[in-house]
Protein backbone atom coordinates (compact mmCIF):
# COMPACT_ATOMS: atom_id res chain seq x y z
CA UNK A 1 0.14 -0.20 -0.35
CA UNK A 2 1.45 3.39 -1.20
CA UNK A 3 2.23 6.19 1.00
CA UNK A 4 -0.91 8.39 0.18
CA UNK A 5 -3.28 5.64 0.74
CA UNK A 6 -2.50 4.90 4.06
CA UNK A 7 -2.45 8.68 4.44
CA UNK A 8 -6.09 8.73 3.15
CA UNK A 9 -7.20 6.11 5.35
CA UNK A 10 -5.44 7.84 8.33
CA UNK A 11 -7.35 11.04 7.64
CA UNK A 12 -11.06 9.06 6.67
CA UNK A 13 -10.73 6.74 10.13
CA UNK A 14 -9.95 10.21 12.03
CA UNK A 15 -13.02 11.56 10.74
CA UNK A 16 -14.85 8.78 11.45
CA UNK A 17 -13.90 8.88 14.90
CA UNK A 18 -14.33 12.75 14.75
CA UNK A 19 -17.86 12.22 13.42
CA UNK A 20 -19.07 9.55 15.77
CA UNK A 21 -17.54 11.47 18.80
CA UNK A 22 -19.63 14.70 17.28
CA UNK A 23 -22.82 13.49 17.74
CA UNK A 24 -25.09 12.45 20.58
CA UNK A 25 -28.80 11.80 21.38
CA UNK A 26 -30.67 13.16 23.76
CA UNK A 27 -33.75 10.80 25.09
CA UNK A 28 -37.10 11.99 25.88
CA UNK A 29 -36.50 10.99 29.53
CA UNK A 30 -33.28 12.59 29.89
CA UNK A 31 -32.37 16.21 30.67
CA UNK A 32 -28.57 17.46 29.91
CA UNK A 33 -26.61 20.50 29.81
CA UNK A 34 -23.49 21.25 27.37
CA UNK A 35 -20.13 22.27 28.48
CA UNK A 36 -17.35 23.90 26.73
CA UNK A 37 -14.15 24.01 28.83
CA UNK A 38 -16.14 22.97 32.25
CA UNK A 39 -18.31 26.35 31.34
CA UNK A 40 -22.19 25.78 30.69
CA UNK A 41 -23.28 26.89 27.05
CA UNK A 42 -26.26 25.50 26.69
CA UNK A 43 -28.38 25.29 29.87
CA UNK A 44 -31.20 22.80 28.44
CA UNK A 45 -30.60 20.70 25.62
CA UNK A 46 -33.79 19.44 24.03
CA UNK A 47 -34.50 15.83 23.42
CA UNK A 48 -32.89 15.00 19.60
CA UNK A 49 -29.44 14.39 17.66
CA UNK A 50 -27.00 16.89 18.14
CA UNK A 51 -23.67 18.03 17.24
CA UNK A 52 -20.88 18.72 19.71
CA UNK A 53 -16.82 19.81 19.31
CA UNK A 54 -15.04 16.50 20.45
CA UNK A 55 -12.97 17.61 23.63
CA UNK A 56 -13.68 20.88 23.49
CA UNK A 57 -17.51 20.46 24.43
CA UNK A 58 -19.02 17.70 26.95
CA UNK A 59 -22.41 16.69 27.31
CA UNK A 60 -23.39 15.78 30.84
CA UNK A 61 -27.03 13.83 31.02
CA UNK A 62 -29.62 13.74 33.84
CA UNK A 63 -32.76 11.34 34.61
CA UNK A 64 -35.45 13.71 33.83
CA UNK A 65 -38.21 10.84 35.43
CA UNK A 66 -39.29 11.12 38.95
CA UNK A 67 -37.04 9.94 41.33
CA UNK A 68 -37.87 8.43 44.89
CA UNK A 69 -36.22 8.95 47.83
CA UNK A 70 -36.32 6.81 50.82
CA UNK A 71 -35.82 8.70 53.91
CA UNK A 72 -34.02 7.22 56.83
CA UNK A 73 -36.80 7.09 59.79
CA UNK A 74 -36.60 10.17 62.06
CA UNK A 75 -37.82 11.66 65.87
CA UNK A 76 -40.47 14.52 65.78
CA UNK A 77 -42.07 16.05 68.41
CA UNK A 78 -45.63 17.06 67.75
CA UNK A 79 -47.22 20.32 69.48
CA UNK A 80 -48.04 18.05 72.87
CA UNK A 81 -44.76 17.07 73.25
CA UNK A 82 -45.17 13.84 72.06
CA UNK A 83 -42.24 12.04 70.38
CA UNK A 84 -42.75 9.81 67.19
CA UNK A 85 -40.85 8.13 64.87
CA UNK A 86 -41.68 8.94 61.31
CA UNK A 87 -40.50 7.07 58.18
CA UNK A 88 -41.30 8.64 54.86
CA UNK A 89 -39.96 8.76 51.27
CA UNK A 90 -39.90 11.71 48.61
CA UNK A 91 -40.97 11.75 44.97
CA UNK A 92 -38.64 14.24 42.53
CA UNK A 93 -37.13 15.76 39.53
CA UNK A 94 -35.04 17.71 37.59
CA UNK A 95 -36.66 20.46 36.13
CA UNK A 96 -33.88 23.10 35.45
CA UNK A 97 -30.60 21.17 34.10
CA UNK A 98 -28.03 24.21 34.61
CA UNK A 99 -29.16 24.84 38.35
CA UNK A 100 -29.07 20.95 38.95
CA UNK A 101 -25.49 20.84 37.54
CA UNK A 102 -24.46 23.29 39.09
CA UNK A 103 -25.58 22.39 42.75
CA UNK A 104 -25.05 18.75 42.54
CA UNK A 105 -22.37 18.10 39.45
CA UNK A 106 -24.91 16.08 38.29
CA UNK A 107 -24.30 13.33 41.25
CA UNK A 108 -27.67 11.75 42.89
CA UNK A 109 -26.57 10.71 45.78
CA UNK A 110 -25.40 14.62 46.36
CA UNK A 111 -28.97 15.63 45.54
CA UNK A 112 -30.17 13.67 47.97
CA UNK A 113 -27.87 14.88 50.52
CA UNK A 114 -28.93 17.83 49.86
CA UNK A 115 -32.66 17.31 49.60
CA UNK A 116 -32.55 15.37 52.96
CA UNK A 117 -32.10 18.55 55.28
CA UNK A 118 -34.88 20.53 53.32
CA UNK A 119 -37.49 17.91 54.38
CA UNK A 120 -36.35 16.48 57.65
CA UNK A 121 -36.70 20.75 58.63
CA UNK A 122 -39.87 20.78 56.52
CA UNK A 123 -41.60 17.70 58.69
CA UNK A 124 -40.17 18.73 62.17
CA UNK A 125 -42.03 21.63 61.80
CA UNK A 126 -45.31 20.38 60.43
CA UNK A 127 -45.42 18.17 62.98
CA UNK A 128 -44.64 20.68 65.42
CA UNK A 129 -47.81 22.40 64.79
CA UNK A 130 -49.69 19.83 65.32
CA UNK A 131 -51.34 16.79 67.76
CA UNK A 132 -50.53 13.35 67.62
CA UNK A 133 -54.62 12.63 66.32
CA UNK A 134 -54.09 14.91 63.57
CA UNK A 135 -50.88 13.84 62.16
CA UNK A 136 -52.04 10.37 62.25
CA UNK A 137 -55.07 10.57 60.60
CA UNK A 138 -57.14 13.58 60.56
CA UNK A 139 -54.63 16.26 58.58
CA UNK A 140 -52.06 14.16 56.98
CA UNK A 141 -53.17 14.63 53.55
CA UNK A 142 -53.19 18.29 54.28
CA UNK A 143 -49.64 18.30 55.54
CA UNK A 144 -47.99 16.75 52.97
CA UNK A 145 -49.50 19.18 50.61
CA UNK A 146 -48.49 21.86 52.68
CA UNK A 147 -45.04 20.33 52.67
CA UNK A 148 -44.56 19.96 48.95
CA UNK A 149 -45.71 23.70 48.49
CA UNK A 150 -43.66 24.92 50.55
CA UNK A 151 -40.29 22.92 49.45
CA UNK A 152 -40.95 22.92 45.64
CA UNK A 153 -40.48 26.81 45.37
CA UNK A 154 -37.05 26.32 47.67
CA UNK A 155 -35.74 23.43 46.20
CA UNK A 156 -36.20 25.09 41.96
CA UNK A 157 -34.48 28.14 43.48
CA UNK A 158 -31.65 26.58 44.91
CA UNK A 159 -31.12 22.92 42.88
CA UNK A 160 -33.23 23.03 39.75
CA UNK A 161 -35.43 20.42 41.44
CA UNK A 162 -39.08 20.10 41.70
CA UNK A 163 -40.79 17.99 44.89
CA UNK A 164 -43.38 15.85 43.59
CA UNK A 165 -44.63 14.49 46.42
CA UNK A 166 -43.91 13.73 50.37
CA UNK A 167 -45.42 10.89 52.10
CA UNK A 168 -45.26 9.17 55.39
CA UNK A 169 -45.03 5.17 54.99
CA UNK A 170 -45.32 4.73 58.91
CA UNK A 171 -45.61 6.43 62.31
CA UNK A 172 -44.41 4.55 65.49
CA UNK A 173 -44.50 5.23 68.90
CA UNK A 174 -40.67 4.87 70.43
CA UNK A 175 -40.55 1.70 72.37
CA UNK A 176 -40.35 3.18 75.90
CA UNK A 177 -43.81 4.83 75.32
CA UNK A 178 -45.21 1.79 73.41
CA UNK A 179 -46.12 0.44 76.93
CA UNK A 180 -47.62 2.95 78.75
CA UNK A 181 -49.85 3.61 75.55
CA UNK A 182 -50.74 0.33 75.62
CA UNK A 183 -51.99 0.16 79.26
CA UNK A 184 -53.50 3.24 78.60
CA UNK A 185 -55.84 1.64 76.05
CA UNK A 186 -56.47 -1.46 77.39
CA UNK A 187 -57.56 0.67 80.99
CA UNK A 188 -59.51 2.89 78.59
CA UNK A 189 -61.04 -0.43 76.59
CA UNK A 190 -62.22 -1.85 79.92
CA UNK A 191 -63.46 1.15 81.49
CA UNK A 192 -66.02 1.16 78.56
CA UNK A 193 -66.70 -2.74 78.67
CA UNK A 194 -67.75 -1.90 82.34
CA UNK A 195 -69.82 0.89 81.26
CA UNK A 196 -71.75 -1.23 78.56
CA UNK A 197 -71.89 -4.39 80.86
CA UNK A 198 -73.88 -2.00 83.57
CA UNK A 199 -75.93 -0.52 80.85
CA UNK A 200 -77.01 -4.28 79.78
CA UNK A 201 -77.66 -5.35 83.07
CA UNK A 202 -79.75 -2.34 83.68
CA UNK A 203 -81.88 -3.00 80.38
CA UNK A 204 -82.23 -6.90 81.13
CA UNK A 205 -83.59 -5.70 84.42
CA UNK A 206 -86.14 -3.35 83.09
CA UNK A 207 -86.95 -6.21 80.44
CA UNK A 208 -87.44 -8.90 83.35
CA UNK A 209 -89.58 -6.44 85.36
CA UNK A 210 -91.56 -5.48 82.06
CA UNK A 211 -92.08 -9.67 81.71
CA UNK A 212 -93.13 -10.01 85.32
CA UNK A 213 -95.79 -7.48 85.05
CA UNK A 214 -96.67 -8.50 81.83
CA UNK A 215 -97.02 -12.22 83.46
CA UNK A 216 -99.00 -10.79 86.06
CA UNK A 217 -101.56 -9.25 84.39
CA UNK A 218 -102.03 -12.12 81.95
CA UNK A 219 -102.33 -14.39 84.98
CA UNK A 220 -104.64 -12.20 86.79
CA UNK A 221 -106.88 -11.71 83.77
CA UNK A 222 -106.88 -15.19 83.14
CA UNK A 223 -107.92 -16.07 86.66
CA UNK A 224 -110.57 -13.71 86.31
CA UNK A 225 -111.73 -14.94 82.99
CA UNK A 226 -111.77 -18.84 84.77
CA UNK A 227 -113.85 -17.48 87.82
CA UNK A 228 -116.28 -16.01 85.54
CA UNK A 229 -116.32 -18.87 83.78
CA UNK A 230 -116.83 -21.32 86.90
CA UNK A 231 -119.37 -19.06 88.31
CA UNK A 232 -121.44 -19.38 85.17
CA UNK A 233 -120.72 -22.99 85.46
CA UNK A 234 -121.59 -23.10 88.99
CA UNK A 235 -124.91 -21.08 88.31
CA UNK A 236 -126.52 -23.03 85.52
CA UNK A 237 -125.76 -26.09 87.69
CA UNK A 238 -127.19 -24.74 90.72
CA UNK A 239 -130.32 -23.94 88.26
CA UNK A 240 -130.78 -27.55 86.72
CA UNK A 241 -130.60 -29.18 90.30
CA UNK A 242 -133.54 -26.65 91.24
CA UNK A 243 -135.39 -27.21 88.56
CA UNK A 244 -134.90 -31.41 89.01
CA UNK A 245 -135.54 -30.79 92.52
CA UNK A 246 -138.59 -28.54 92.11
CA UNK A 247 -139.94 -31.83 89.68
CA UNK A 248 -139.06 -34.52 92.26
CA UNK A 249 -138.09 -33.32 95.72
CA UNK A 250 -137.91 -36.70 96.71
CA UNK A 251 -136.02 -38.42 94.04
CA UNK A 252 -133.42 -35.44 94.62
CA UNK A 253 -132.95 -36.30 98.15
CA UNK A 254 -132.20 -39.85 97.71
CA UNK A 255 -129.84 -38.49 95.23
CA UNK A 256 -128.04 -36.63 97.62
CA UNK A 257 -128.03 -39.45 100.52
CA UNK A 258 -126.60 -41.62 97.67
CA UNK A 259 -123.86 -39.22 97.01
CA UNK A 260 -123.35 -38.80 100.68
CA UNK A 261 -123.33 -43.00 101.52
CA UNK A 262 -120.40 -43.19 98.45
CA UNK A 263 -118.32 -40.23 99.87
CA UNK A 264 -118.66 -41.88 103.58
CA UNK A 265 -117.89 -45.61 102.10
CA UNK A 266 -115.35 -44.74 99.41
CA UNK A 267 -112.36 -46.60 101.05
CA UNK A 268 -112.30 -50.36 102.16
CA UNK A 269 -112.23 -50.79 106.23
CA UNK A 270 -114.40 -47.31 106.71
CA UNK A 271 -116.39 -47.38 109.71
CA UNK A 272 -119.24 -44.98 110.57
CA UNK A 273 -121.19 -45.21 113.86
CA UNK A 274 -124.58 -43.94 113.76
CA UNK A 275 -127.93 -44.44 115.55
CA UNK A 276 -130.39 -47.19 113.58
CA UNK A 277 -133.02 -44.35 113.39
CA UNK A 278 -131.08 -41.64 111.94
CA UNK A 279 -132.22 -39.72 108.87
CA UNK A 280 -128.76 -40.98 107.33
CA UNK A 281 -130.48 -44.45 107.01
CA UNK A 282 -134.17 -43.09 106.29
CA UNK A 283 -133.57 -43.91 102.52
CA UNK A 284 -131.80 -47.05 103.20
CA UNK A 285 -134.50 -48.27 105.24
CA UNK A 286 -136.92 -47.39 102.95
CA UNK A 287 -135.63 -49.14 100.28
CA UNK A 288 -135.15 -52.06 102.16
CA UNK A 289 -138.89 -51.71 103.17
CA UNK A 290 -139.78 -51.74 99.58
């Protein structure tokens, strides 16, 4: 191969390498800045294919998607001076590549180190203005919205970062407090149980008293109705007996005497001592004579 061919090949290879290093692509999910000898000359490169000067220019790319920072559990005091252990996480993304690069040099770990103190201070202030009940359930969403809005302004100005969301994963009581809180809750539940049992007993006694009263009334009414029916029956029986007696008084007297005999001698071995001329034997004697 001649010297000219070798030189041409070397030039072509050099141009190919320069051309390859001169072209770069920015994705839709990336944010980037263009540097010239370390100085930012393009603070926000748009997505697409671009050209740069090799060696002279450098491109720093950052992930433009939402990032998650899982913070370490921290201890905060409520307005009641009750200590809580709060576990939270942060959602953020780069919106100003120039400020972000200037503050962090494009290092996500450094960005997390700069973000966390601001979030920690914000959570401490928000928890310090609320009671335990409010931060646990009542106003947690409101707390997060206020904190995100307040921190977003600061992080945009200082770091070029937008705070998308801050959420509390878990709120715990310190170990030394949990036992006393549990004991207080148990005592309160026992008190409520005693009150409910007392109310139930009073209600049961009232129901029992009402049932007894209704029972007495029903029995009294039934006894009254039975006595009325019995009285009516006795009256009818007496009327029938009277009518029968009026038709044949002698037979009626005889019938009563037979019943008297039957009642007097209803068991074997009964003995009755009477005079022979007593009225008890009058019908018996008459029947023998006949």
